[in-house]
C-alpha atoms as a PDB file:
ATOM      1  CA  UNK A   1       0.000   0.000   0.000  1.00  0.00           C
ATOM      2  CA  UNK A   2       2.964   2.343   0.480  1.00  0.00           C
ATOM      3  CA  UNK A   3       4.302   1.799  -3.008  1.00  0.00           C
ATOM      4  CA  UNK A   4       4.245   5.098  -4.954  1.00  0.00           C
ATOM      5  CA  UNK A   5       2.859   3.206  -7.960  1.00  0.00           C
ATOM      6  CA  UNK A   6      -0.022   1.647  -6.007  1.00  0.00           C
ATOM      7  CA  UNK A   7      -2.741   3.627  -7.763  1.00  0.00           C
ATOM      8  CA  UNK A   8      -1.270   2.783 -11.144  1.00  0.00           C
ATOM      9  CA  UNK A   9      -1.302  -0.945 -10.289  1.00  0.00           C
ATOM     10  CA  UNK A  10      -4.835  -0.752  -8.914  1.00  0.00           C
ATOM     11  CA  UNK A  11      -6.352   0.024 -12.317  1.00  0.00           C
ATOM     12  CA  UNK A  12      -7.293  -2.485 -15.014  1.00  0.00           C
ATOM     13  CA  UNK A  13      -7.529  -5.525 -12.769  1.00  0.00           C
ATOM     14  CA  UNK A  14      -8.432  -7.757 -15.700  1.00  0.00           C
ATOM     15  CA  UNK A  15      -4.802  -7.526 -16.871  1.00  0.00           C
ATOM     16  CA  UNK A  16      -3.861 -10.184 -14.321  1.00  0.00           C
ATOM     17  CA  UNK A  17      -5.445 -12.733 -16.632  1.00  0.00           C
ATOM     18  CA  UNK A  18      -2.446 -12.257 -18.943  1.00  0.00           C
ATOM     19  CA  UNK A  19      -0.131 -13.872 -16.367  1.00  0.00           C
ATOM     20  CA  UNK A  20      -0.423 -17.547 -17.337  1.00  0.00           C
ATOM     21  CA  UNK A  21      -0.134 -16.862 -21.062  1.00  0.00           C
ATOM     22  CA  UNK A  22       2.769 -14.487 -20.518  1.00  0.00           C
ATOM     23  CA  UNK A  23       4.583 -17.031 -18.338  1.00  0.00           C
ATOM     24  CA  UNK A  24       4.087 -19.805 -20.896  1.00  0.00           C
ATOM     25  CA  UNK A  25       4.912 -17.863 -24.061  1.00  0.00           C
ATOM     26  CA  UNK A  26       7.645 -15.855 -22.347  1.00  0.00           C
ATOM     27  CA  UNK A  27       9.410 -19.079 -21.411  1.00  0.00           C
ATOM     28  CA  UNK A  28       9.041 -20.411 -24.954  1.00  0.00           C
ATOM     29  CA  UNK A  29      10.381 -17.196 -26.535  1.00  0.00           C
ATOM     30  CA  UNK A  30      13.293 -16.885 -24.103  1.00  0.00           C
ATOM     31  CA  UNK A  31      14.248 -20.535 -24.613  1.00  0.00           C
ATOM     32  CA  UNK A  32      14.093 -20.106 -28.389  1.00  0.00           C
ATOM     33  CA  UNK A  33      16.268 -16.971 -28.271  1.00  0.00           C
ATOM     34  CA  UNK A  34      18.948 -18.655 -26.144  1.00  0.00           C
ATOM     35  CA  UNK A  35      18.950 -21.814 -28.280  1.00  0.00           C
ATOM     36  CA  UNK A  36      19.181 -19.724 -31.468  1.00  0.00           C
ATOM     37  CA  UNK A  37      22.060 -17.683 -30.072  1.00  0.00           C
ATOM     38  CA  UNK A  38      24.033 -20.728 -28.904  1.00  0.00           C
ATOM     39  CA  UNK A  39      23.330 -22.560 -32.167  1.00  0.00           C
ATOM     40  CA  UNK A  40      24.515 -19.605 -34.239  1.00  0.00           C
ATOM     41  CA  UNK A  41      27.738 -19.249 -32.237  1.00  0.00           C
ATOM     42  CA  UNK A  42      28.521 -22.980 -32.472  1.00  0.00           C
ATOM     43  CA  UNK A  43      27.678 -23.049 -36.191  1.00  0.00           C
ATOM     44  CA  UNK A  44      29.918 -20.111 -37.039  1.00  0.00           C
ATOM     45  CA  UNK A  45      32.789 -21.588 -35.022  1.00  0.00           C
ATOM     46  CA  UNK A  46      32.509 -25.095 -36.493  1.00  0.00           C
ATOM     47  CA  UNK A  47      31.572 -24.502 -40.140  1.00  0.00           C
ATOM     48  CA  UNK A  48      34.623 -24.329 -42.449  1.00  0.00           C
ATOM     49  CA  UNK A  49      33.198 -21.517 -44.556  1.00  0.00           C
ATOM     50  CA  UNK A  50      32.839 -19.111 -41.646  1.00  0.00           C
ATOM     51  CA  UNK A  51      35.720 -20.214 -39.424  1.00  0.00           C
ATOM     52  CA  UNK A  52      38.187 -17.755 -41.022  1.00  0.00           C
ATOM     53  CA  UNK A  53      35.732 -14.892 -40.553  1.00  0.00           C
ATOM     54  CA  UNK A  54      35.174 -15.837 -36.902  1.00  0.00           C
ATOM     55  CA  UNK A  55      38.920 -16.063 -36.272  1.00  0.00           C
ATOM     56  CA  UNK A  56      39.295 -12.598 -37.828  1.00  0.00           C
ATOM     57  CA  UNK A  57      36.554 -11.248 -35.567  1.00  0.00           C
ATOM     58  CA  UNK A  58      38.174 -12.869 -32.527  1.00  0.00           C
ATOM     59  CA  UNK A  59      41.521 -11.265 -33.366  1.00  0.00           C
ATOM     60  CA  UNK A  60      39.791  -7.890 -33.670  1.00  0.00           C
ATOM     61  CA  UNK A  61      38.139  -8.402 -30.276  1.00  0.00           C
ATOM     62  CA  UNK A  62      41.500  -9.330 -28.730  1.00  0.00           C
ATOM     63  CA  UNK A  63      43.046  -6.199 -30.246  1.00  0.00           C
ATOM     64  CA  UNK A  64      40.251  -4.019 -28.868  1.00  0.00           C
ATOM     65  CA  UNK A  65      40.576  -5.682 -25.451  1.00  0.00           C
ATOM     66  CA  UNK A  66      44.325  -4.978 -25.392  1.00  0.00           C
ATOM     67  CA  UNK A  67      43.623  -1.356 -26.359  1.00  0.00           C
ATOM     68  CA  UNK A  68      41.044  -0.967 -23.592  1.00  0.00           C
ATOM     69  CA  UNK A  69      43.378  -2.529 -21.020  1.00  0.00           C
ATOM     70  CA  UNK A  70      46.183  -0.224 -22.154  1.00  0.00           C
ATOM     71  CA  UNK A  71      43.821   2.753 -21.905  1.00  0.00           C
ATOM     72  CA  UNK A  72      42.776   1.751 -18.371  1.00  0.00           C
ATOM     73  CA  UNK A  73      46.390   1.436 -17.233  1.00  0.00           C
ATOM     74  CA  UNK A  74      47.359   4.757 -18.811  1.00  0.00           C
ATOM     75  CA  UNK A  75      44.358   6.496 -17.243  1.00  0.00           C
ATOM     76  CA  UNK A  76      45.151   5.063 -13.824  1.00  0.00           C
ATOM     77  CA  UNK A  77      48.761   6.235 -14.017  1.00  0.00           C
ATOM     78  CA  UNK A  78      48.197   9.658 -15.584  1.00  0.00           C
ATOM     79  CA  UNK A  79      45.142  10.575 -13.530  1.00  0.00           C
ATOM     80  CA  UNK A  80      46.970   9.798 -10.289  1.00  0.00           C
ATOM     81  CA  UNK A  81      49.869  11.916 -11.521  1.00  0.00           C
ATOM     82  CA  UNK A  82      47.908  14.939 -12.766  1.00  0.00           C
ATOM     83  CA  UNK A  83      44.831  14.998 -10.506  1.00  0.00           C
ATOM     84  CA  UNK A  84      43.874  14.920  -6.845  1.00  0.00           C
ATOM     85  CA  UNK A  85      40.138  14.230  -7.038  1.00  0.00           C
ATOM     86  CA  UNK A  86      38.809  16.926  -9.380  1.00  0.00           C
ATOM     87  CA  UNK A  87      41.719  19.239  -8.571  1.00  0.00           C
ATOM     88  CA  UNK A  88      44.355  19.429 -11.290  1.00  0.00           C
ATOM     89  CA  UNK A  89      47.806  19.322  -9.731  1.00  0.00           C
ATOM     90  CA  UNK A  90      49.458  19.815 -13.123  1.00  0.00           C
ATOM     91  CA  UNK A  91      46.972  21.775 -15.288  1.00  0.00           C
ATOM     92  CA  UNK A  92      48.911  21.781 -18.576  1.00  0.00           C
ATOM     93  CA  UNK A  93      49.639  18.063 -18.363  1.00  0.00           C
ATOM     94  CA  UNK A  94      46.049  17.321 -17.313  1.00  0.00           C
ATOM     95  CA  UNK A  95      44.652  19.356 -20.225  1.00  0.00           C
ATOM     96  CA  UNK A  96      46.925  17.616 -22.735  1.00  0.00           C
ATOM     97  CA  UNK A  97      46.007  14.186 -21.367  1.00  0.00           C
ATOM     98  CA  UNK A  98      42.278  14.943 -21.432  1.00  0.00           C
ATOM     99  CA  UNK A  99      42.579  16.258 -25.003  1.00  0.00           C
ATOM    100  CA  UNK A 100      44.228  12.967 -26.014  1.00  0.00           C
ATOM    101  CA  UNK A 101      41.462  11.027 -24.249  1.00  0.00           C
ATOM    102  CA  UNK A 102      38.762  13.026 -26.061  1.00  0.00           C
ATOM    103  CA  UNK A 103      40.377  12.270 -29.418  1.00  0.00           C
ATOM    104  CA  UNK A 104      40.647   8.600 -28.492  1.00  0.00           C
ATOM    105  CA  UNK A 105      37.028   8.471 -27.361  1.00  0.00           C
ATOM    106  CA  UNK A 106      35.762  10.104 -30.567  1.00  0.00           C
ATOM    107  CA  UNK A 107      37.294   7.181 -32.452  1.00  0.00           C
ATOM    108  CA  UNK A 108      36.002   4.543 -30.028  1.00  0.00           C
ATOM    109  CA  UNK A 109      32.480   5.871 -29.483  1.00  0.00           C
ATOM    110  CA  UNK A 110      31.132   4.024 -32.518  1.00  0.00           C
ATOM    111  CA  UNK A 111      32.300   0.745 -30.987  1.00  0.00           C
ATOM    112  CA  UNK A 112      30.679   1.651 -27.657  1.00  0.00           C
ATOM    113  CA  UNK A 113      27.375   2.366 -29.385  1.00  0.00           C
ATOM    114  CA  UNK A 114      27.546  -0.904 -31.313  1.00  0.00           C
ATOM    115  CA  UNK A 115      28.387  -2.880 -28.162  1.00  0.00           C
ATOM    116  CA  UNK A 116      25.524  -1.186 -26.325  1.00  0.00           C
ATOM    117  CA  UNK A 117      23.084  -2.204 -29.073  1.00  0.00           C
ATOM    118  CA  UNK A 118      24.340  -5.796 -28.870  1.00  0.00           C
ATOM    119  CA  UNK A 119      24.010  -5.756 -25.060  1.00  0.00           C
ATOM    120  CA  UNK A 120      20.432  -4.505 -25.326  1.00  0.00           C
ATOM    121  CA  UNK A 121      19.578  -7.212 -27.871  1.00  0.00           C
ATOM    122  CA  UNK A 122      21.014  -9.912 -25.581  1.00  0.00           C
ATOM    123  CA  UNK A 123      19.240  -8.482 -22.529  1.00  0.00           C
ATOM    124  CA  UNK A 124      15.962  -8.244 -24.427  1.00  0.00           C
ATOM    125  CA  UNK A 125      16.297 -11.839 -25.581  1.00  0.00           C
ATOM    126  CA  UNK A 126      17.058 -13.094 -22.088  1.00  0.00           C
ATOM    127  CA  UNK A 127      14.425 -11.022 -20.293  1.00  0.00           C
ATOM    128  CA  UNK A 128      11.590 -11.391 -22.805  1.00  0.00           C
ATOM    129  CA  UNK A 129       9.984 -13.989 -20.573  1.00  0.00           C
ATOM    130  CA  UNK A 130      10.195 -11.951 -17.358  1.00  0.00           C
ATOM    131  CA  UNK A 131       6.756 -10.655 -16.492  1.00  0.00           C
ATOM    132  CA  UNK A 132       7.628  -9.242 -13.092  1.00  0.00           C
ATOM    133  CA  UNK A 133       9.887  -6.398 -14.332  1.00  0.00           C
ATOM    134  CA  UNK A 134      10.263  -4.116 -17.320  1.00  0.00           C
ATOM    135  CA  UNK A 135      12.851  -5.385 -19.795  1.00  0.00           C
ATOM    136  CA  UNK A 136      15.458  -2.678 -19.106  1.00  0.00           C
ATOM    137  CA  UNK A 137      14.652  -2.014 -15.435  1.00  0.00           C
ATOM    138  CA  UNK A 138      17.259  -1.262 -12.806  1.00  0.00           C
ATOM    139  CA  UNK A 139      18.309  -4.013 -10.456  1.00  0.00           C
ATOM    140  CA  UNK A 140      18.185  -6.926 -12.895  1.00  0.00           C
ATOM    141  CA  UNK A 141      20.653  -9.790 -12.543  1.00  0.00           C
ATOM    142  CA  UNK A 142      22.143  -8.809 -15.904  1.00  0.00           C
ATOM    143  CA  UNK A 143      23.261  -5.214 -15.263  1.00  0.00           C
ATOM    144  CA  UNK A 144      25.128  -4.633 -18.508  1.00  0.00           C
ATOM    145  CA  UNK A 145      24.592  -0.960 -19.270  1.00  0.00           C
ATOM    146  CA  UNK A 146      27.143   1.119 -17.407  1.00  0.00           C
ATOM    147  CA  UNK A 147      26.959   4.157 -19.679  1.00  0.00           C
ATOM    148  CA  UNK A 148      24.182   6.008 -17.754  1.00  0.00           C
ATOM    149  CA  UNK A 149      26.385   5.937 -14.631  1.00  0.00           C
ATOM    150  CA  UNK A 150      28.945   8.049 -16.520  1.00  0.00           C
ATOM    151  CA  UNK A 151      26.506  10.926 -16.824  1.00  0.00           C
END
């Protein structure tokens, strides 16, 4: 009764009759999505015609992972050197480093957007059968979108 959304939930009581159908079909859809995803991954890894493409994609992912790790290490070192909290101990050095980071992020933002779209597609596929929460609600077991915390 103390939930701020109580009055919203109190309307349209006939909607509770959707529960059994939503539980049944949600389970079927979620199972199908997971099976399709696993089948596609196994197929592309095993089939001779696509194995070279998959290996190329894996090498690209490894290269991006090395770049992100290098970026994290550089940020840790340089930010501890040039900043104390939000205070710039070395303003010229801090400005130059942040300018380099902005240039780097302009190049990498397209990859972040693409990865975010893929994360949302995976989350939607996995949570299609959940009837107790909205698909992209906060507090889900699969908390994959960290970008809103940046802003």
